[in-house]
Amino acid sequence: MTTSGTTESGTKARTRRAILDAAVDVLSKNHAAPLSEIATAADVGRSTLHRYYPERGDLVAALGDHALDQLDAALVRARPTEGPADAALRRMSHECFEIGPTLALVYGDPQVLSNAAFWIRLDSADQPLIDLLERGFAENTFTSDLHVRWIRRMLWWCLLTGWEAFNHEQYSRTEALEAIDETVARLTGTR
């Protein structure tokens, strides 16, 4: 799908995905990288990149949508309505950890963060997490005195911190996920 709601051909969708994936890879290493570097990483010409994203701002806005698409898919894979709430929350944080590069890039970009449409869609995409937290409190699996919205906010920062520790501080994936799990358990009162 495109932002206009029309379906793209397979080739166009693959090209768009290649550009977005390359943008995540390149911009996560150098936020100021030129579009030509992204085009090279995507194995497309600069003119092709500009057909899809005429301006850098268009690409950055698309990265916000791309991140939210990845988040939607991660939350579905996590199966938040299945099993005990603490196990579902662990699955959810592990699935979301896998999209760390995209989330770190998006949450670090002031242009994405200033886009009201991004925040509206994020609130909607976040609903399975909020529902899971509320279920955990209703079932007394979670016993924290913290508000659900605060835990939600801290969970996202915890995931970003875990990703940064893995990406920049030589934590293993297992160490980062264990630290996330321990922090989230303390936030929710499941210890």
C-alpha atoms as a PDB file:
ATOM      1  CA  MET A   1       0.000   0.000   0.000  1.00  0.00           C
ATOM      2  CA  THR A   2       1.051   3.578  -0.522  1.00  0.00           C
ATOM      3  CA  THR A   3       0.110   6.539   1.605  1.00  0.00           C
ATOM      4  CA  SER A   4      -2.654   7.312  -0.913  1.00  0.00           C
ATOM      5  CA  GLY A   5      -4.185   3.902  -0.176  1.00  0.00           C
ATOM      6  CA  THR A   6      -3.534   2.366  -3.597  1.00  0.00           C
ATOM      7  CA  THR A   7      -1.836  -0.989  -3.987  1.00  0.00           C
ATOM      8  CA  GLU A   8       1.582  -1.026  -5.662  1.00  0.00           C
ATOM      9  CA  SER A   9       2.849  -3.660  -8.056  1.00  0.00           C
ATOM     10  CA  GLY A  10       5.237  -6.254  -6.638  1.00  0.00           C
ATOM     11  CA  THR A  11       8.257  -4.586  -8.229  1.00  0.00           C
ATOM     12  CA  LYS A  12       7.355  -1.127  -6.932  1.00  0.00           C
ATOM     13  CA  ALA A  13       6.656  -2.478  -3.458  1.00  0.00           C
ATOM     14  CA  ARG A  14      10.007  -4.326  -3.415  1.00  0.00           C
ATOM     15  CA  THR A  15      11.839  -1.198  -4.597  1.00  0.00           C
ATOM     16  CA  ARG A  16      10.127   0.933  -1.962  1.00  0.00           C
ATOM     17  CA  ARG A  17      11.000  -1.656   0.709  1.00  0.00           C
ATOM     18  CA  ALA A  18      14.635  -1.800  -0.474  1.00  0.00           C
ATOM     19  CA  ILE A  19      14.895   1.992  -0.242  1.00  0.00           C
ATOM     20  CA  LEU A  20      13.365   2.069   3.243  1.00  0.00           C
ATOM     21  CA  ASP A  21      15.550  -0.789   4.508  1.00  0.00           C
ATOM     22  CA  ALA A  22      18.644   0.888   3.068  1.00  0.00           C
ATOM     23  CA  ALA A  23      17.630   4.194   4.624  1.00  0.00           C
ATOM     24  CA  VAL A  24      17.354   2.551   8.043  1.00  0.00           C
ATOM     25  CA  ASP A  25      20.776   0.950   7.634  1.00  0.00           C
ATOM     26  CA  VAL A  26      22.531   4.053   6.293  1.00  0.00           C
ATOM     27  CA  LEU A  27      20.853   6.690   8.455  1.00  0.00           C
ATOM     28  CA  SER A  28      21.262   4.677  11.650  1.00  0.00           C
ATOM     29  CA  LYS A  29      25.024   4.930  11.084  1.00  0.00           C
ATOM     30  CA  ASN A  30      25.058   8.526   9.814  1.00  0.00           C
ATOM     31  CA  HIS A  31      21.934  10.631  10.273  1.00  0.00           C
ATOM     32  CA  ALA A  32      23.264  13.197   7.781  1.00  0.00           C
ATOM     33  CA  ALA A  33      24.109  10.702   5.024  1.00  0.00           C
ATOM     34  CA  PRO A  34      23.222  11.951   1.547  1.00  0.00           C
ATOM     35  CA  LEU A  35      20.348  10.398  -0.375  1.00  0.00           C
ATOM     36  CA  SER A  36      22.863   9.180  -2.965  1.00  0.00           C
ATOM     37  CA  GLU A  37      24.375   6.905  -0.292  1.00  0.00           C
ATOM     38  CA  ILE A  38      20.924   5.489   0.466  1.00  0.00           C
ATOM     39  CA  ALA A  39      20.291   4.928  -3.245  1.00  0.00           C
ATOM     40  CA  THR A  40      23.592   3.051  -3.560  1.00  0.00           C
ATOM     41  CA  ALA A  41      22.796   0.894  -0.507  1.00  0.00           C
ATOM     42  CA  ALA A  42      19.345   0.129  -1.956  1.00  0.00           C
ATOM     43  CA  ASP A  43      20.932  -0.736  -5.302  1.00  0.00           C
ATOM     44  CA  VAL A  44      18.800   1.824  -7.125  1.00  0.00           C
ATOM     45  CA  GLY A  45      19.684   4.974  -9.015  1.00  0.00           C
ATOM     46  CA  ARG A  46      19.286   8.392  -7.447  1.00  0.00           C
ATOM     47  CA  SER A  47      16.535   9.199  -9.940  1.00  0.00           C
ATOM     48  CA  THR A  48      14.640   6.081  -8.814  1.00  0.00           C
ATOM     49  CA  LEU A  49      14.946   7.087  -5.171  1.00  0.00           C
ATOM     50  CA  HIS A  50      13.691  10.584  -6.050  1.00  0.00           C
ATOM     51  CA  ARG A  51      10.694   9.131  -7.925  1.00  0.00           C
ATOM     52  CA  TYR A  52       9.635   7.392  -4.721  1.00  0.00           C
ATOM     53  CA  TYR A  53      10.744  10.134  -2.321  1.00  0.00           C
ATOM     54  CA  PRO A  54      11.209  13.507  -4.053  1.00  0.00           C
ATOM     55  CA  GLU A  55      12.590  15.180  -0.914  1.00  0.00           C
ATOM     56  CA  ARG A  56      14.510  13.947   2.113  1.00  0.00           C
ATOM     57  CA  GLY A  57      11.489  14.891   4.254  1.00  0.00           C
ATOM     58  CA  ASP A  58       9.319  12.520   2.226  1.00  0.00           C
ATOM     59  CA  LEU A  59      11.734   9.674   2.933  1.00  0.00           C
ATOM     60  CA  VAL A  60      11.897  10.491   6.646  1.00  0.00           C
ATOM     61  CA  ALA A  61       8.093  10.596   6.884  1.00  0.00           C
ATOM     62  CA  ALA A  62       7.949   7.241   5.097  1.00  0.00           C
ATOM     63  CA  LEU A  63      10.433   5.844   7.626  1.00  0.00           C
ATOM     64  CA  GLY A  64       7.980   6.758  10.394  1.00  0.00           C
ATOM     65  CA  ASP A  65       5.235   4.823   8.586  1.00  0.00           C
ATOM     66  CA  HIS A  66       7.678   1.959   7.936  1.00  0.00           C
ATOM     67  CA  ALA A  67       8.500   1.780  11.652  1.00  0.00           C
ATOM     68  CA  LEU A  68       4.828   1.666  12.548  1.00  0.00           C
ATOM     69  CA  ASP A  69       4.195  -1.063   9.955  1.00  0.00           C
ATOM     70  CA  GLN A  70       7.021  -3.082  11.526  1.00  0.00           C
ATOM     71  CA  LEU A  71       5.593  -2.415  14.982  1.00  0.00           C
ATOM     72  CA  ASP A  72       2.143  -3.609  13.902  1.00  0.00           C
ATOM     73  CA  ALA A  73       3.657  -6.838  12.555  1.00  0.00           C
ATOM     74  CA  ALA A  74       5.776  -7.372  15.701  1.00  0.00           C
ATOM     75  CA  LEU A  75       2.749  -6.951  17.952  1.00  0.00           C
ATOM     76  CA  VAL A  76       0.764  -9.480  15.905  1.00  0.00           C
ATOM     77  CA  ARG A  77       3.651 -11.994  16.085  1.00  0.00           C
ATOM     78  CA  ALA A  78       3.803 -11.510  19.868  1.00  0.00           C
ATOM     79  CA  ARG A  79       0.231 -12.804  20.311  1.00  0.00           C
ATOM     80  CA  PRO A  80      -0.522 -10.430  23.221  1.00  0.00           C
ATOM     81  CA  THR A  81      -3.917 -11.943  23.997  1.00  0.00           C
ATOM     82  CA  GLU A  82      -2.544 -15.471  24.477  1.00  0.00           C
ATOM     83  CA  GLY A  83      -1.324 -16.962  27.739  1.00  0.00           C
ATOM     84  CA  PRO A  84      -0.343 -15.253  30.963  1.00  0.00           C
ATOM     85  CA  ALA A  85       0.135 -11.491  30.706  1.00  0.00           C
ATOM     86  CA  ASP A  86       3.764 -11.570  31.879  1.00  0.00           C
ATOM     87  CA  ALA A  87       4.710 -14.161  29.243  1.00  0.00           C
ATOM     88  CA  ALA A  88       2.862 -12.194  26.556  1.00  0.00           C
ATOM     89  CA  LEU A  89       4.655  -8.999  27.595  1.00  0.00           C
ATOM     90  CA  ARG A  90       8.009 -10.793  27.336  1.00  0.00           C
ATOM     91  CA  ARG A  91       7.097 -12.033  23.841  1.00  0.00           C
ATOM     92  CA  MET A  92       6.048  -8.527  22.897  1.00  0.00           C
ATOM     93  CA  SER A  93       9.267  -6.911  24.081  1.00  0.00           C
ATOM     94  CA  HIS A  94      11.366  -9.584  22.334  1.00  0.00           C
ATOM     95  CA  GLU A  95       9.513  -9.097  19.049  1.00  0.00           C
ATOM     96  CA  CYS A  96       9.816  -5.317  19.306  1.00  0.00           C
ATOM     97  CA  PHE A  97      13.530  -5.599  20.114  1.00  0.00           C
ATOM     98  CA  GLU A  98      14.024  -7.041  16.634  1.00  0.00           C
ATOM     99  CA  ILE A  99      12.875  -3.783  15.051  1.00  0.00           C
ATOM    100  CA  GLY A 100      15.310  -1.812  17.207  1.00  0.00           C
ATOM    101  CA  PRO A 101      17.274  -0.237  14.335  1.00  0.00           C
ATOM    102  CA  THR A 102      14.153   1.293  12.831  1.00  0.00           C
ATOM    103  CA  LEU A 103      12.758   2.426  16.172  1.00  0.00           C
ATOM    104  CA  ALA A 104      16.070   3.975  17.231  1.00  0.00           C
ATOM    105  CA  LEU A 105      16.288   5.883  13.968  1.00  0.00           C
ATOM    106  CA  VAL A 106      12.700   7.107  14.061  1.00  0.00           C
ATOM    107  CA  TYR A 107      12.730   8.095  17.739  1.00  0.00           C
ATOM    108  CA  GLY A 108      15.972   9.970  17.143  1.00  0.00           C
ATOM    109  CA  ASP A 109      14.667  12.036  14.236  1.00  0.00           C
ATOM    110  CA  PRO A 110      13.075  15.373  15.156  1.00  0.00           C
ATOM    111  CA  GLN A 111      11.201  15.506  11.838  1.00  0.00           C
ATOM    112  CA  VAL A 112       9.408  12.230  12.552  1.00  0.00           C
ATOM    113  CA  LEU A 113       8.788  13.210  16.160  1.00  0.00           C
ATOM    114  CA  SER A 114       7.228  16.507  15.105  1.00  0.00           C
ATOM    115  CA  ASN A 115       4.774  14.751  12.757  1.00  0.00           C
ATOM    116  CA  ALA A 116       1.351  14.703  14.452  1.00  0.00           C
ATOM    117  CA  ALA A 117       0.126  11.910  12.150  1.00  0.00           C
ATOM    118  CA  PHE A 118       2.962   9.669  13.401  1.00  0.00           C
ATOM    119  CA  TRP A 119       1.872  10.118  17.037  1.00  0.00           C
ATOM    120  CA  ILE A 120      -1.784   9.499  16.228  1.00  0.00           C
ATOM    121  CA  ARG A 121      -0.926   6.267  14.442  1.00  0.00           C
ATOM    122  CA  LEU A 122       1.513   5.260  17.206  1.00  0.00           C
ATOM    123  CA  ASP A 123      -1.250   5.589  19.790  1.00  0.00           C
ATOM    124  CA  SER A 124      -3.401   3.272  17.699  1.00  0.00           C
ATOM    125  CA  ALA A 125      -0.539   0.818  17.055  1.00  0.00           C
ATOM    126  CA  ASP A 126       0.236   0.789  20.780  1.00  0.00           C
ATOM    127  CA  GLN A 127      -3.259  -0.310  21.779  1.00  0.00           C
ATOM    128  CA  PRO A 128      -2.398  -4.051  21.998  1.00  0.00           C
ATOM    129  CA  LEU A 129       0.343  -3.180  24.504  1.00  0.00           C
ATOM    130  CA  ILE A 130      -2.007  -1.039  26.576  1.00  0.00           C
ATOM    131  CA  ASP A 131      -4.667  -3.775  26.461  1.00  0.00           C
ATOM    132  CA  LEU A 132      -2.088  -6.343  27.591  1.00  0.00           C
ATOM    133  CA  LEU A 133      -0.940  -4.183  30.496  1.00  0.00           C
ATOM    134  CA  GLU A 134      -4.534  -3.571  31.583  1.00  0.00           C
ATOM    135  CA  ARG A 135      -5.236  -7.318  31.370  1.00  0.00           C
ATOM    136  CA  GLY A 136      -2.181  -8.022  33.516  1.00  0.00           C
ATOM    137  CA  PHE A 137      -3.398  -5.625  36.187  1.00  0.00           C
ATOM    138  CA  ALA A 138      -6.962  -6.976  36.034  1.00  0.00           C
ATOM    139  CA  GLU A 139      -5.624 -10.529  36.500  1.00  0.00           C
ATOM    140  CA  ASN A 140      -3.256  -9.370  39.288  1.00  0.00           C
ATOM    141  CA  THR A 141      -0.255 -10.588  37.298  1.00  0.00           C
ATOM    142  CA  PHE A 142       1.061  -7.023  37.440  1.00  0.00           C
ATOM    143  CA  THR A 143       1.009  -5.324  40.819  1.00  0.00           C
ATOM    144  CA  SER A 144       2.875  -2.057  40.270  1.00  0.00           C
ATOM    145  CA  ASP A 145       1.499   1.257  41.503  1.00  0.00           C
ATOM    146  CA  LEU A 146       2.645   2.876  38.248  1.00  0.00           C
ATOM    147  CA  HIS A 147       0.057   3.915  35.673  1.00  0.00           C
ATOM    148  CA  VAL A 148      -0.342   1.843  32.513  1.00  0.00           C
ATOM    149  CA  ARG A 149       0.571   4.805  30.277  1.00  0.00           C
ATOM    150  CA  TRP A 150       3.770   5.365  32.265  1.00  0.00           C
ATOM    151  CA  ILE A 151       4.748   1.694  32.004  1.00  0.00           C
ATOM    152  CA  ARG A 152       4.032   1.822  28.266  1.00  0.00           C
ATOM    153  CA  ARG A 153       6.313   4.839  27.875  1.00  0.00           C
ATOM    154  CA  MET A 154       9.077   3.279  29.969  1.00  0.00           C
ATOM    155  CA  LEU A 155       8.819  -0.001  28.047  1.00  0.00           C
ATOM    156  CA  TRP A 156       9.590   1.782  24.783  1.00  0.00           C
ATOM    157  CA  TRP A 157      12.571   3.587  26.305  1.00  0.00           C
ATOM    158  CA  CYS A 158      13.738   0.329  27.832  1.00  0.00           C
ATOM    159  CA  LEU A 159      13.597  -1.365  24.427  1.00  0.00           C
ATOM    160  CA  LEU A 160      15.534   1.494  22.837  1.00  0.00           C
ATOM    161  CA  THR A 161      18.099   1.393  25.630  1.00  0.00           C
ATOM    162  CA  GLY A 162      18.435  -2.375  25.230  1.00  0.00           C
ATOM    163  CA  TRP A 163      18.929  -1.994  21.496  1.00  0.00           C
ATOM    164  CA  GLU A 164      21.584   0.695  22.018  1.00  0.00           C
ATOM    165  CA  ALA A 165      23.373  -1.513  24.569  1.00  0.00           C
ATOM    166  CA  PHE A 166      23.373  -4.364  22.055  1.00  0.00           C
ATOM    167  CA  ASN A 167      24.348  -2.164  19.126  1.00  0.00           C
ATOM    168  CA  HIS A 168      26.968   0.087  20.743  1.00  0.00           C
ATOM    169  CA  GLU A 169      28.067  -1.346  24.088  1.00  0.00           C
ATOM    170  CA  GLN A 170      28.902  -4.943  23.197  1.00  0.00           C
ATOM    171  CA  TYR A 171      25.984  -6.474  25.086  1.00  0.00           C
ATOM    172  CA  SER A 172      24.978  -9.787  23.583  1.00  0.00           C
ATOM    173  CA  ARG A 173      21.418 -10.068  22.318  1.00  0.00           C
ATOM    174  CA  THR A 174      20.680 -12.384  25.254  1.00  0.00           C
ATOM    175  CA  GLU A 175      22.145  -9.946  27.806  1.00  0.00           C
ATOM    176  CA  ALA A 176      20.158  -7.048  26.359  1.00  0.00           C
ATOM    177  CA  LEU A 177      16.899  -9.036  26.336  1.00  0.00           C
ATOM    178  CA  GLU A 178      17.475 -10.295  29.884  1.00  0.00           C
ATOM    179  CA  ALA A 179      18.078  -6.715  31.071  1.00  0.00           C
ATOM    180  CA  ILE A 180      14.890  -5.593  29.314  1.00  0.00           C
ATOM    181  CA  ASP A 181      12.909  -8.471  30.850  1.00  0.00           C
ATOM    182  CA  GLU A 182      14.237  -7.689  34.348  1.00  0.00           C
ATOM    183  CA  THR A 183      13.481  -3.977  34.009  1.00  0.00           C
ATOM    184  CA  VAL A 184       9.980  -4.594  32.666  1.00  0.00           C
ATOM    185  CA  ALA A 185       9.299  -7.094  35.475  1.00  0.00           C
ATOM    186  CA  ARG A 186      10.228  -4.420  38.008  1.00  0.00           C
ATOM    187  CA  LEU A 187       8.083  -1.815  36.253  1.00  0.00           C
ATOM    188  CA  THR A 188       5.032  -4.054  36.270  1.00  0.00           C
ATOM    189  CA  GLY A 189       5.602  -5.545  39.730  1.00  0.00           C
ATOM    190  CA  THR A 190       5.922  -9.147  38.537  1.00  0.00           C
ATOM    191  CA  ARG A 191       9.057  -9.848  40.633  1.00  0.00           C
END
